[in-house]
Amino acid sequence: MLTKEEMPTCPVATTVELIGSKWKLLIIRNLLTRPWRFNELKKDLAGISQKVLTDNLRSLEADNIITRTVYPEVPPRVEYALSELGETLRPILDSMAAWGTAYKANSTDT
């Protein structure tokens, strides 16, 4: 987690620093629908390695964007979900989805 002193002065740069990687955005996209288990995320995010998924989940958790819940079962069950702060990203991702849809509809093949 970045300290306030380590964060960029530009608010857009701060947002990009926290959620700007391809994998973080796709993880958040999935968590907008429901809580997910690790293996479900790994299976859904084609091409992500276990290490990269683990690192991104840990980073999002450290930044308080997601929560990690361990259920006391055998074997242990772990679910990842958006935190209250993470839920505030919903309009940003909704806007990105709308923009992407409009771009696809309006782009022409060259």
PDB file of N, CA and C in Angstrom:
ATOM      1  N   MET A   1       0.841  -1.182   0.000  1.00  0.00           N
ATOM      2  CA  MET A   1       0.000   0.000   0.000  1.00  0.00           C
ATOM      3  C   MET A   1       0.880   1.236   0.000  1.00  0.00           C
ATOM      4  N   LEU A   2       0.554   2.161  -0.885  1.00  0.00           N
ATOM      5  CA  LEU A   2       1.318   3.398  -0.963  1.00  0.00           C
ATOM      6  C   LEU A   2       0.923   4.348   0.163  1.00  0.00           C
ATOM      7  N   THR A   3       1.921   5.044   0.692  1.00  0.00           N
ATOM      8  CA  THR A   3       1.616   6.093   1.654  1.00  0.00           C
ATOM      9  C   THR A   3       1.156   7.318   0.874  1.00  0.00           C
ATOM     10  N   LYS A   4       0.559   8.271   1.563  1.00  0.00           N
ATOM     11  CA  LYS A   4       0.109   9.491   0.887  1.00  0.00           C
ATOM     12  C   LYS A   4       1.272  10.215   0.221  1.00  0.00           C
ATOM     13  N   GLU A   5       2.429  10.149   0.837  1.00  0.00           N
ATOM     14  CA  GLU A   5       3.603  10.813   0.271  1.00  0.00           C
ATOM     15  C   GLU A   5       4.076  10.120  -1.014  1.00  0.00           C
ATOM     16  N   GLU A   6       3.849   8.817  -1.112  1.00  0.00           N
ATOM     17  CA  GLU A   6       4.290   8.051  -2.283  1.00  0.00           C
ATOM     18  C   GLU A   6       3.304   8.138  -3.453  1.00  0.00           C
ATOM     19  N   MET A   7       2.074   8.553  -3.183  1.00  0.00           N
ATOM     20  CA  MET A   7       1.077   8.629  -4.234  1.00  0.00           C
ATOM     21  C   MET A   7       1.367   9.803  -5.161  1.00  0.00           C
ATOM     22  N   PRO A   8       1.054   9.636  -6.447  1.00  0.00           N
ATOM     23  CA  PRO A   8       1.242  10.745  -7.376  1.00  0.00           C
ATOM     24  C   PRO A   8       0.380  11.937  -6.971  1.00  0.00           C
ATOM     25  N   THR A   9       0.814  13.131  -7.340  1.00  0.00           N
ATOM     26  CA  THR A   9       0.031  14.317  -7.015  1.00  0.00           C
ATOM     27  C   THR A   9      -1.221  14.408  -7.874  1.00  0.00           C
ATOM     28  N   CYS A  10      -1.176  13.867  -9.066  1.00  0.00           N
ATOM     29  CA  CYS A  10      -2.332  13.888  -9.965  1.00  0.00           C
ATOM     30  C   CYS A  10      -3.330  12.805  -9.557  1.00  0.00           C
ATOM     31  N   PRO A  11      -4.609  13.151  -9.349  1.00  0.00           N
ATOM     32  CA  PRO A  11      -5.592  12.148  -8.948  1.00  0.00           C
ATOM     33  C   PRO A  11      -5.807  11.049  -9.989  1.00  0.00           C
ATOM     34  N   VAL A  12      -5.698  11.387 -11.262  1.00  0.00           N
ATOM     35  CA  VAL A  12      -5.837  10.365 -12.308  1.00  0.00           C
ATOM     36  C   VAL A  12      -4.671   9.383 -12.217  1.00  0.00           C
ATOM     37  N   ALA A  13      -3.484   9.896 -12.004  1.00  0.00           N
ATOM     38  CA  ALA A  13      -2.306   9.037 -11.865  1.00  0.00           C
ATOM     39  C   ALA A  13      -2.431   8.142 -10.629  1.00  0.00           C
ATOM     40  N   THR A  14      -3.032   8.644  -9.561  1.00  0.00           N
ATOM     41  CA  THR A  14      -3.254   7.828  -8.359  1.00  0.00           C
ATOM     42  C   THR A  14      -4.182   6.663  -8.688  1.00  0.00           C
ATOM     43  N   THR A  15      -5.272   6.945  -9.411  1.00  0.00           N
ATOM     44  CA  THR A  15      -6.215   5.894  -9.792  1.00  0.00           C
ATOM     45  C   THR A  15      -5.529   4.854 -10.659  1.00  0.00           C
ATOM     46  N   VAL A  16      -4.749   5.307 -11.627  1.00  0.00           N
ATOM     47  CA  VAL A  16      -4.032   4.382 -12.506  1.00  0.00           C
ATOM     48  C   VAL A  16      -3.035   3.554 -11.705  1.00  0.00           C
ATOM     49  N   GLU A  17      -2.382   4.167 -10.752  1.00  0.00           N
ATOM     50  CA  GLU A  17      -1.422   3.450  -9.897  1.00  0.00           C
ATOM     51  C   GLU A  17      -2.104   2.319  -9.128  1.00  0.00           C
ATOM     52  N   LEU A  18      -3.321   2.572  -8.653  1.00  0.00           N
ATOM     53  CA  LEU A  18      -4.023   1.594  -7.821  1.00  0.00           C
ATOM     54  C   LEU A  18      -4.726   0.503  -8.619  1.00  0.00           C
ATOM     55  N   ILE A  19      -5.327   0.858  -9.757  1.00  0.00           N
ATOM     56  CA  ILE A  19      -6.139  -0.134 -10.475  1.00  0.00           C
ATOM     57  C   ILE A  19      -5.803  -0.226 -11.958  1.00  0.00           C
ATOM     58  N   GLY A  20      -4.743   0.422 -12.404  1.00  0.00           N
ATOM     59  CA  GLY A  20      -4.494   0.578 -13.821  1.00  0.00           C
ATOM     60  C   GLY A  20      -3.938  -0.610 -14.572  1.00  0.00           C
ATOM     61  N   SER A  21      -3.560  -1.668 -13.897  1.00  0.00           N
ATOM     62  CA  SER A  21      -3.019  -2.799 -14.654  1.00  0.00           C
ATOM     63  C   SER A  21      -4.155  -3.594 -15.277  1.00  0.00           C
ATOM     64  N   LYS A  22      -3.858  -4.243 -16.371  1.00  0.00           N
ATOM     65  CA  LYS A  22      -4.843  -5.069 -17.074  1.00  0.00           C
ATOM     66  C   LYS A  22      -5.504  -6.063 -16.122  1.00  0.00           C
ATOM     67  N   TRP A  23      -4.702  -6.767 -15.363  1.00  0.00           N
ATOM     68  CA  TRP A  23      -5.245  -7.825 -14.513  1.00  0.00           C
ATOM     69  C   TRP A  23      -6.074  -7.271 -13.377  1.00  0.00           C
ATOM     70  N   LYS A  24      -5.646  -6.168 -12.770  1.00  0.00           N
ATOM     71  CA  LYS A  24      -6.424  -5.597 -11.675  1.00  0.00           C
ATOM     72  C   LYS A  24      -7.799  -5.170 -12.166  1.00  0.00           C
ATOM     73  N   LEU A  25      -7.853  -4.548 -13.326  1.00  0.00           N
ATOM     74  CA  LEU A  25      -9.149  -4.119 -13.865  1.00  0.00           C
ATOM     75  C   LEU A  25     -10.055  -5.310 -14.135  1.00  0.00           C
ATOM     76  N   LEU A  26      -9.493  -6.387 -14.661  1.00  0.00           N
ATOM     77  CA  LEU A  26     -10.309  -7.564 -14.953  1.00  0.00           C
ATOM     78  C   LEU A  26     -10.745  -8.279 -13.674  1.00  0.00           C
ATOM     79  N   ILE A  27      -9.896  -8.289 -12.669  1.00  0.00           N
ATOM     80  CA  ILE A  27     -10.280  -8.868 -11.372  1.00  0.00           C
ATOM     81  C   ILE A  27     -11.435  -8.055 -10.783  1.00  0.00           C
ATOM     82  N   ILE A  28     -11.305  -6.741 -10.789  1.00  0.00           N
ATOM     83  CA  ILE A  28     -12.358  -5.884 -10.253  1.00  0.00           C
ATOM     84  C   ILE A  28     -13.641  -6.064 -11.058  1.00  0.00           C
ATOM     85  N   ARG A  29     -13.519  -6.148 -12.380  1.00  0.00           N
ATOM     86  CA  ARG A  29     -14.695  -6.382 -13.231  1.00  0.00           C
ATOM     87  C   ARG A  29     -15.448  -7.628 -12.767  1.00  0.00           C
ATOM     88  N   ASN A  30     -14.721  -8.706 -12.526  1.00  0.00           N
ATOM     89  CA  ASN A  30     -15.362  -9.943 -12.074  1.00  0.00           C
ATOM     90  C   ASN A  30     -16.002  -9.772 -10.697  1.00  0.00           C
ATOM     91  N   LEU A  31     -15.290  -9.114  -9.794  1.00  0.00           N
ATOM     92  CA  LEU A  31     -15.798  -8.969  -8.431  1.00  0.00           C
ATOM     93  C   LEU A  31     -16.997  -8.027  -8.345  1.00  0.00           C
ATOM     94  N   LEU A  32     -17.248  -7.258  -9.398  1.00  0.00           N
ATOM     95  CA  LEU A  32     -18.445  -6.419  -9.423  1.00  0.00           C
ATOM     96  C   LEU A  32     -19.715  -7.265  -9.461  1.00  0.00           C
ATOM     97  N   THR A  33     -19.607  -8.504  -9.934  1.00  0.00           N
ATOM     98  CA  THR A  33     -20.787  -9.351 -10.073  1.00  0.00           C
ATOM     99  C   THR A  33     -21.099 -10.135  -8.804  1.00  0.00           C
ATOM    100  N   ARG A  34     -20.043 -10.590  -8.085  1.00  0.00           N
ATOM    101  CA  ARG A  34     -20.226 -11.434  -6.907  1.00  0.00           C
ATOM    102  C   ARG A  34     -18.850 -11.747  -6.328  1.00  0.00           C
ATOM    103  N   PRO A  35     -18.797 -12.342  -5.131  1.00  0.00           N
ATOM    104  CA  PRO A  35     -17.511 -12.830  -4.620  1.00  0.00           C
ATOM    105  C   PRO A  35     -17.023 -14.019  -5.456  1.00  0.00           C
ATOM    106  N   TRP A  36     -15.721 -14.107  -5.611  1.00  0.00           N
ATOM    107  CA  TRP A  36     -15.109 -15.188  -6.400  1.00  0.00           C
ATOM    108  C   TRP A  36     -14.063 -15.895  -5.565  1.00  0.00           C
ATOM    109  N   ARG A  37     -13.887 -17.171  -5.858  1.00  0.00           N
ATOM    110  CA  ARG A  37     -12.800 -17.940  -5.265  1.00  0.00           C
ATOM    111  C   ARG A  37     -11.582 -17.846  -6.182  1.00  0.00           C
ATOM    112  N   PHE A  38     -10.407 -18.119  -5.627  1.00  0.00           N
ATOM    113  CA  PHE A  38      -9.157 -17.981  -6.368  1.00  0.00           C
ATOM    114  C   PHE A  38      -9.182 -18.775  -7.680  1.00  0.00           C
ATOM    115  N   ASN A  39      -9.521 -20.063  -7.589  1.00  0.00           N
ATOM    116  CA  ASN A  39      -9.480 -20.902  -8.789  1.00  0.00           C
ATOM    117  C   ASN A  39     -10.512 -20.485  -9.834  1.00  0.00           C
ATOM    118  N   GLU A  40     -11.635 -19.931  -9.392  1.00  0.00           N
ATOM    119  CA  GLU A  40     -12.619 -19.408 -10.340  1.00  0.00           C
ATOM    120  C   GLU A  40     -12.030 -18.232 -11.110  1.00  0.00           C
ATOM    121  N   LEU A  41     -11.365 -17.337 -10.398  1.00  0.00           N
ATOM    122  CA  LEU A  41     -10.733 -16.190 -11.060  1.00  0.00           C
ATOM    123  C   LEU A  41      -9.660 -16.654 -12.034  1.00  0.00           C
ATOM    124  N   LYS A  42      -8.822 -17.581 -11.587  1.00  0.00           N
ATOM    125  CA  LYS A  42      -7.736 -18.077 -12.437  1.00  0.00           C
ATOM    126  C   LYS A  42      -8.294 -18.685 -13.712  1.00  0.00           C
ATOM    127  N   LYS A  43      -9.361 -19.443 -13.589  1.00  0.00           N
ATOM    128  CA  LYS A  43      -9.975 -20.093 -14.747  1.00  0.00           C
ATOM    129  C   LYS A  43     -10.606 -19.062 -15.696  1.00  0.00           C
ATOM    130  N   ASP A  44     -11.240 -18.030 -15.131  1.00  0.00           N
ATOM    131  CA  ASP A  44     -11.938 -17.030 -15.942  1.00  0.00           C
ATOM    132  C   ASP A  44     -10.983 -16.053 -16.623  1.00  0.00           C
ATOM    133  N   LEU A  45      -9.852 -15.773 -16.000  1.00  0.00           N
ATOM    134  CA  LEU A  45      -8.902 -14.807 -16.542  1.00  0.00           C
ATOM    135  C   LEU A  45      -7.849 -15.540 -17.361  1.00  0.00           C
ATOM    136  N   ALA A  46      -8.214 -15.869 -18.575  1.00  0.00           N
ATOM    137  CA  ALA A  46      -7.329 -16.651 -19.452  1.00  0.00           C
ATOM    138  C   ALA A  46      -5.973 -15.967 -19.605  1.00  0.00           C
ATOM    139  N   GLY A  47      -4.929 -16.733 -19.355  1.00  0.00           N
ATOM    140  CA  GLY A  47      -3.573 -16.225 -19.546  1.00  0.00           C
ATOM    141  C   GLY A  47      -2.899 -15.708 -18.291  1.00  0.00           C
ATOM    142  N   ILE A  48      -3.624 -15.585 -17.195  1.00  0.00           N
ATOM    143  CA  ILE A  48      -2.995 -15.093 -15.966  1.00  0.00           C
ATOM    144  C   ILE A  48      -2.325 -16.264 -15.246  1.00  0.00           C
ATOM    145  N   SER A  49      -1.138 -16.020 -14.743  1.00  0.00           N
ATOM    146  CA  SER A  49      -0.451 -17.070 -13.985  1.00  0.00           C
ATOM    147  C   SER A  49      -0.897 -17.008 -12.527  1.00  0.00           C
ATOM    148  N   GLN A  50      -0.661 -18.097 -11.819  1.00  0.00           N
ATOM    149  CA  GLN A  50      -1.022 -18.154 -10.402  1.00  0.00           C
ATOM    150  C   GLN A  50      -0.297 -17.067  -9.627  1.00  0.00           C
ATOM    151  N   LYS A  51       0.986 -16.848  -9.925  1.00  0.00           N
ATOM    152  CA  LYS A  51       1.775 -15.842  -9.221  1.00  0.00           C
ATOM    153  C   LYS A  51       1.235 -14.440  -9.475  1.00  0.00           C
ATOM    154  N   VAL A  52       0.925 -14.124 -10.725  1.00  0.00           N
ATOM    155  CA  VAL A  52       0.415 -12.794 -11.057  1.00  0.00           C
ATOM    156  C   VAL A  52      -0.943 -12.566 -10.396  1.00  0.00           C
ATOM    157  N   LEU A  53      -1.810 -13.573 -10.416  1.00  0.00           N
ATOM    158  CA  LEU A  53      -3.111 -13.436  -9.761  1.00  0.00           C
ATOM    159  C   LEU A  53      -2.930 -13.222  -8.262  1.00  0.00           C
ATOM    160  N   THR A  54      -2.080 -14.018  -7.649  1.00  0.00           N
ATOM    161  CA  THR A  54      -1.812 -13.875  -6.209  1.00  0.00           C
ATOM    162  C   THR A  54      -1.283 -12.479  -5.898  1.00  0.00           C
ATOM    163  N   ASP A  55      -0.305 -12.020  -6.676  1.00  0.00           N
ATOM    164  CA  ASP A  55       0.287 -10.696  -6.437  1.00  0.00           C
ATOM    165  C   ASP A  55      -0.751  -9.588  -6.580  1.00  0.00           C
ATOM    166  N   ASN A  56      -1.590  -9.677  -7.604  1.00  0.00           N
ATOM    167  CA  ASN A  56      -2.604  -8.646  -7.826  1.00  0.00           C
ATOM    168  C   ASN A  56      -3.671  -8.665  -6.737  1.00  0.00           C
ATOM    169  N   LEU A  57      -4.095  -9.853  -6.315  1.00  0.00           N
ATOM    170  CA  LEU A  57      -5.074  -9.937  -5.236  1.00  0.00           C
ATOM    171  C   LEU A  57      -4.493  -9.366  -3.939  1.00  0.00           C
ATOM    172  N   ARG A  58      -3.256  -9.678  -3.642  1.00  0.00           N
ATOM    173  CA  ARG A  58      -2.615  -9.153  -2.427  1.00  0.00           C
ATOM    174  C   ARG A  58      -2.511  -7.631  -2.481  1.00  0.00           C
ATOM    175  N   SER A  59      -2.159  -7.115  -3.647  1.00  0.00           N
ATOM    176  CA  SER A  59      -2.037  -5.667  -3.812  1.00  0.00           C
ATOM    177  C   SER A  59      -3.390  -4.979  -3.644  1.00  0.00           C
ATOM    178  N   LEU A  60      -4.433  -5.531  -4.267  1.00  0.00           N
ATOM    179  CA  LEU A  60      -5.768  -4.952  -4.132  1.00  0.00           C
ATOM    180  C   LEU A  60      -6.263  -5.026  -2.688  1.00  0.00           C
ATOM    181  N   GLU A  61      -5.919  -6.108  -2.004  1.00  0.00           N
ATOM    182  CA  GLU A  61      -6.298  -6.239  -0.596  1.00  0.00           C
ATOM    183  C   GLU A  61      -5.533  -5.229   0.263  1.00  0.00           C
ATOM    184  N   ALA A  62      -4.260  -5.064   0.004  1.00  0.00           N
ATOM    185  CA  ALA A  62      -3.449  -4.108   0.764  1.00  0.00           C
ATOM    186  C   ALA A  62      -3.948  -2.680   0.570  1.00  0.00           C
ATOM    187  N   ASP A  63      -4.490  -2.393  -0.601  1.00  0.00           N
ATOM    188  CA  ASP A  63      -5.019  -1.060  -0.894  1.00  0.00           C
ATOM    189  C   ASP A  63      -6.487  -0.914  -0.482  1.00  0.00           C
ATOM    190  N   ASN A  64      -7.017  -1.923   0.210  1.00  0.00           N
ATOM    191  CA  ASN A  64      -8.389  -1.915   0.730  1.00  0.00           C
ATOM    192  C   ASN A  64      -9.459  -1.851  -0.358  1.00  0.00           C
ATOM    193  N   ILE A  65      -9.143  -2.364  -1.538  1.00  0.00           N
ATOM    194  CA  ILE A  65     -10.099  -2.379  -2.636  1.00  0.00           C
ATOM    195  C   ILE A  65     -10.904  -3.675  -2.619  1.00  0.00           C
ATOM    196  N   ILE A  66     -10.280  -4.753  -2.144  1.00  0.00           N
ATOM    197  CA  ILE A  66     -10.989  -6.021  -2.020  1.00  0.00           C
ATOM    198  C   ILE A  66     -10.823  -6.564  -0.604  1.00  0.00           C
ATOM    199  N   THR A  67     -11.687  -7.515  -0.282  1.00  0.00           N
ATOM    200  CA  THR A  67     -11.566  -8.227   0.991  1.00  0.00           C
ATOM    201  C   THR A  67     -11.313  -9.701   0.692  1.00  0.00           C
ATOM    202  N   ARG A  68     -10.637 -10.335   1.608  1.00  0.00           N
ATOM    203  CA  ARG A  68     -10.347 -11.769   1.513  1.00  0.00           C
ATOM    204  C   ARG A  68     -10.946 -12.426   2.749  1.00  0.00           C
ATOM    205  N   THR A  69     -11.877 -13.346   2.511  1.00  0.00           N
ATOM    206  CA  THR A  69     -12.535 -14.026   3.618  1.00  0.00           C
ATOM    207  C   THR A  69     -12.167 -15.498   3.586  1.00  0.00           C
ATOM    208  N   VAL A  70     -11.613 -15.992   4.694  1.00  0.00           N
ATOM    209  CA  VAL A  70     -11.259 -17.396   4.824  1.00  0.00           C
ATOM    210  C   VAL A  70     -12.321 -18.058   5.686  1.00  0.00           C
ATOM    211  N   TYR A  71     -12.962 -19.095   5.145  1.00  0.00           N
ATOM    212  CA  TYR A  71     -13.986 -19.828   5.881  1.00  0.00           C
ATOM    213  C   TYR A  71     -13.339 -21.032   6.562  1.00  0.00           C
ATOM    214  N   PRO A  72     -13.646 -21.246   7.834  1.00  0.00           N
ATOM    215  CA  PRO A  72     -13.006 -22.339   8.591  1.00  0.00           C
ATOM    216  C   PRO A  72     -13.603 -23.698   8.219  1.00  0.00           C
ATOM    217  N   GLU A  73     -13.238 -24.161   7.057  1.00  0.00           N
ATOM    218  CA  GLU A  73     -13.690 -25.460   6.564  1.00  0.00           C
ATOM    219  C   GLU A  73     -12.465 -26.292   6.238  1.00  0.00           C
ATOM    220  N   VAL A  74     -12.688 -27.557   5.987  1.00  0.00           N
ATOM    221  CA  VAL A  74     -11.602 -28.428   5.530  1.00  0.00           C
ATOM    222  C   VAL A  74     -12.016 -28.994   4.181  1.00  0.00           C
ATOM    223  N   PRO A  75     -11.297 -28.664   3.105  1.00  0.00           N
ATOM    224  CA  PRO A  75     -10.194 -27.699   3.055  1.00  0.00           C
ATOM    225  C   PRO A  75     -10.722 -26.265   3.184  1.00  0.00           C
ATOM    226  N   PRO A  76      -9.839 -25.329   3.581  1.00  0.00           N
ATOM    227  CA  PRO A  76     -10.277 -23.941   3.754  1.00  0.00           C
ATOM    228  C   PRO A  76     -10.817 -23.373   2.443  1.00  0.00           C
ATOM    229  N   ARG A  77     -11.860 -22.572   2.566  1.00  0.00           N
ATOM    230  CA  ARG A  77     -12.441 -21.899   1.407  1.00  0.00           C
ATOM    231  C   ARG A  77     -12.151 -20.419   1.565  1.00  0.00           C
ATOM    232  N   VAL A  78     -11.640 -19.799   0.493  1.00  0.00           N
ATOM    233  CA  VAL A  78     -11.300 -18.379   0.507  1.00  0.00           C
ATOM    234  C   VAL A  78     -12.087 -17.692  -0.602  1.00  0.00           C
ATOM    235  N   GLU A  79     -12.731 -16.589  -0.246  1.00  0.00           N
ATOM    236  CA  GLU A  79     -13.457 -15.804  -1.235  1.00  0.00           C
ATOM    237  C   GLU A  79     -12.935 -14.379  -1.241  1.00  0.00           C
ATOM    238  N   TYR A  80     -12.902 -13.819  -2.444  1.00  0.00           N
ATOM    239  CA  TYR A  80     -12.505 -12.432  -2.633  1.00  0.00           C
ATOM    240  C   TYR A  80     -13.735 -11.650  -3.060  1.00  0.00           C
ATOM    241  N   ALA A  81     -13.904 -10.460  -2.494  1.00  0.00           N
ATOM    242  CA  ALA A  81     -15.037  -9.605  -2.820  1.00  0.00           C
ATOM    243  C   ALA A  81     -14.570  -8.155  -2.790  1.00  0.00           C
ATOM    244  N   LEU A  82     -15.353  -7.297  -3.422  1.00  0.00           N
ATOM    245  CA  LEU A  82     -15.042  -5.874  -3.351  1.00  0.00           C
ATOM    246  C   LEU A  82     -15.339  -5.365  -1.954  1.00  0.00           C
ATOM    247  N   SER A  83     -14.491  -4.516  -1.457  1.00  0.00           N
ATOM    248  CA  SER A  83     -14.730  -3.848  -0.184  1.00  0.00           C
ATOM    249  C   SER A  83     -15.703  -2.690  -0.434  1.00  0.00           C
ATOM    250  N   GLU A  84     -16.061  -2.010   0.620  1.00  0.00           N
ATOM    251  CA  GLU A  84     -16.910  -0.822   0.460  1.00  0.00           C
ATOM    252  C   GLU A  84     -16.207   0.199  -0.438  1.00  0.00           C
ATOM    253  N   LEU A  85     -14.912   0.383  -0.240  1.00  0.00           N
ATOM    254  CA  LEU A  85     -14.144   1.287  -1.095  1.00  0.00           C
ATOM    255  C   LEU A  85     -14.115   0.771  -2.530  1.00  0.00           C
ATOM    256  N   GLY A  86     -13.924  -0.531  -2.691  1.00  0.00           N
ATOM    257  CA  GLY A  86     -13.903  -1.123  -4.025  1.00  0.00           C
ATOM    258  C   GLY A  86     -15.204  -0.918  -4.771  1.00  0.00           C
ATOM    259  N   GLU A  87     -16.323  -0.964  -4.037  1.00  0.00           N
ATOM    260  CA  GLU A  87     -17.638  -0.739  -4.664  1.00  0.00           C
ATOM    261  C   GLU A  87     -17.732   0.654  -5.287  1.00  0.00           C
ATOM    262  N   THR A  88     -16.976   1.607  -4.764  1.00  0.00           N
ATOM    263  CA  THR A  88     -17.029   2.960  -5.322  1.00  0.00           C
ATOM    264  C   THR A  88     -16.400   3.022  -6.715  1.00  0.00           C
ATOM    265  N   LEU A  89     -15.725   1.951  -7.132  1.00  0.00           N
ATOM    266  CA  LEU A  89     -15.160   1.889  -8.490  1.00  0.00           C
ATOM    267  C   LEU A  89     -16.204   1.499  -9.533  1.00  0.00           C
ATOM    268  N   ARG A  90     -17.382   1.045  -9.084  1.00  0.00           N
ATOM    269  CA  ARG A  90     -18.421   0.584 -10.008  1.00  0.00           C
ATOM    270  C   ARG A  90     -18.732   1.610 -11.108  1.00  0.00           C
ATOM    271  N   PRO A  91     -18.971   2.892 -10.792  1.00  0.00           N
ATOM    272  CA  PRO A  91     -19.282   3.832 -11.878  1.00  0.00           C
ATOM    273  C   PRO A  91     -18.126   4.017 -12.858  1.00  0.00           C
ATOM    274  N   ILE A  92     -16.910   3.891 -12.372  1.00  0.00           N
ATOM    275  CA  ILE A  92     -15.749   4.031 -13.263  1.00  0.00           C
ATOM    276  C   ILE A  92     -15.731   2.883 -14.264  1.00  0.00           C
ATOM    277  N   LEU A  93     -15.889   1.658 -13.781  1.00  0.00           N
ATOM    278  CA  LEU A  93     -15.887   0.508 -14.684  1.00  0.00           C
ATOM    279  C   LEU A  93     -17.117   0.483 -15.576  1.00  0.00           C
ATOM    280  N   ASP A  94     -18.265   0.944 -15.059  1.00  0.00           N
ATOM    281  CA  ASP A  94     -19.461   1.048 -15.898  1.00  0.00           C
ATOM    282  C   ASP A  94     -19.212   2.034 -17.038  1.00  0.00           C
ATOM    283  N   SER A  95     -18.564   3.152 -16.746  1.00  0.00           N
ATOM    284  CA  SER A  95     -18.240   4.137 -17.783  1.00  0.00           C
ATOM    285  C   SER A  95     -17.256   3.567 -18.799  1.00  0.00           C
ATOM    286  N   MET A  96     -16.274   2.810 -18.316  1.00  0.00           N
ATOM    287  CA  MET A  96     -15.311   2.182 -19.224  1.00  0.00           C
ATOM    288  C   MET A  96     -16.018   1.187 -20.141  1.00  0.00           C
ATOM    289  N   ALA A  97     -16.958   0.415 -19.588  1.00  0.00           N
ATOM    290  CA  ALA A  97     -17.706  -0.556 -20.392  1.00  0.00           C
ATOM    291  C   ALA A  97     -18.553   0.161 -21.442  1.00  0.00           C
ATOM    292  N   ALA A  98     -19.215   1.237 -21.046  1.00  0.00           N
ATOM    293  CA  ALA A  98     -20.042   1.994 -21.999  1.00  0.00           C
ATOM    294  C   ALA A  98     -19.179   2.592 -23.103  1.00  0.00           C
ATOM    295  N   TRP A  99     -18.032   3.136 -22.743  1.00  0.00           N
ATOM    296  CA  TRP A  99     -17.138   3.719 -23.733  1.00  0.00           C
ATOM    297  C   TRP A  99     -16.639   2.644 -24.692  1.00  0.00           C
ATOM    298  N   GLY A 100     -16.243   1.487 -24.162  1.00  0.00           N
ATOM    299  CA  GLY A 100     -15.760   0.390 -24.998  1.00  0.00           C
ATOM    300  C   GLY A 100     -16.830  -0.108 -25.955  1.00  0.00           C
ATOM    301  N   THR A 101     -18.062  -0.198 -25.470  1.00  0.00           N
ATOM    302  CA  THR A 101     -19.172  -0.625 -26.319  1.00  0.00           C
ATOM    303  C   THR A 101     -19.410   0.384 -27.430  1.00  0.00           C
ATOM    304  N   ALA A 102     -19.429   1.672 -27.089  1.00  0.00           N
ATOM    305  CA  ALA A 102     -19.626   2.712 -28.098  1.00  0.00           C
ATOM    306  C   ALA A 102     -18.490   2.736 -29.112  1.00  0.00           C
ATOM    307  N   TYR A 103     -17.279   2.545 -28.638  1.00  0.00           N
ATOM    308  CA  TYR A 103     -16.127   2.531 -29.545  1.00  0.00           C
ATOM    309  C   TYR A 103     -16.243   1.390 -30.537  1.00  0.00           C
ATOM    310  N   LYS A 104     -16.589   0.217 -30.039  1.00  0.00           N
ATOM    311  CA  LYS A 104     -16.754  -0.935 -30.935  1.00  0.00           C
ATOM    312  C   LYS A 104     -17.841  -0.684 -31.970  1.00  0.00           C
ATOM    313  N   ALA A 105     -18.954  -0.078 -31.538  1.00  0.00           N
ATOM    314  CA  ALA A 105     -20.079   0.170 -32.436  1.00  0.00           C
ATOM    315  C   ALA A 105     -19.746   1.221 -33.480  1.00  0.00           C
ATOM    316  N   ASN A 106     -18.891   2.173 -33.135  1.00  0.00           N
ATOM    317  CA  ASN A 106     -18.599   3.292 -34.040  1.00  0.00           C
ATOM    318  C   ASN A 106     -17.305   3.148 -34.809  1.00  0.00           C
ATOM    319  N   SER A 107     -16.503   2.154 -34.485  1.00  0.00           N
ATOM    320  CA  SER A 107     -15.232   2.007 -35.204  1.00  0.00           C
ATOM    321  C   SER A 107     -15.490   1.332 -36.541  1.00  0.00           C
ATOM    322  N   THR A 108     -14.661   1.670 -37.467  1.00  0.00           N
ATOM    323  CA  THR A 108     -14.786   1.072 -38.802  1.00  0.00           C
ATOM    324  C   THR A 108     -13.569   0.220 -39.065  1.00  0.00           C
ATOM    325  N   ASP A 109     -13.760  -0.823 -39.814  1.00  0.00           N
ATOM    326  CA  ASP A 109     -12.630  -1.674 -40.210  1.00  0.00           C
ATOM    327  C   ASP A 109     -11.833  -0.937 -41.267  1.00  0.00           C
ATOM    328  N   THR A 110     -10.524  -0.991 -41.124  1.00  0.00           N
ATOM    329  CA  THR A 110      -9.673  -0.329 -42.114  1.00  0.00           C
ATOM    330  C   THR A 110      -8.896  -1.334 -42.908  1.00  0.00           C
TER     331      THR A 110
END
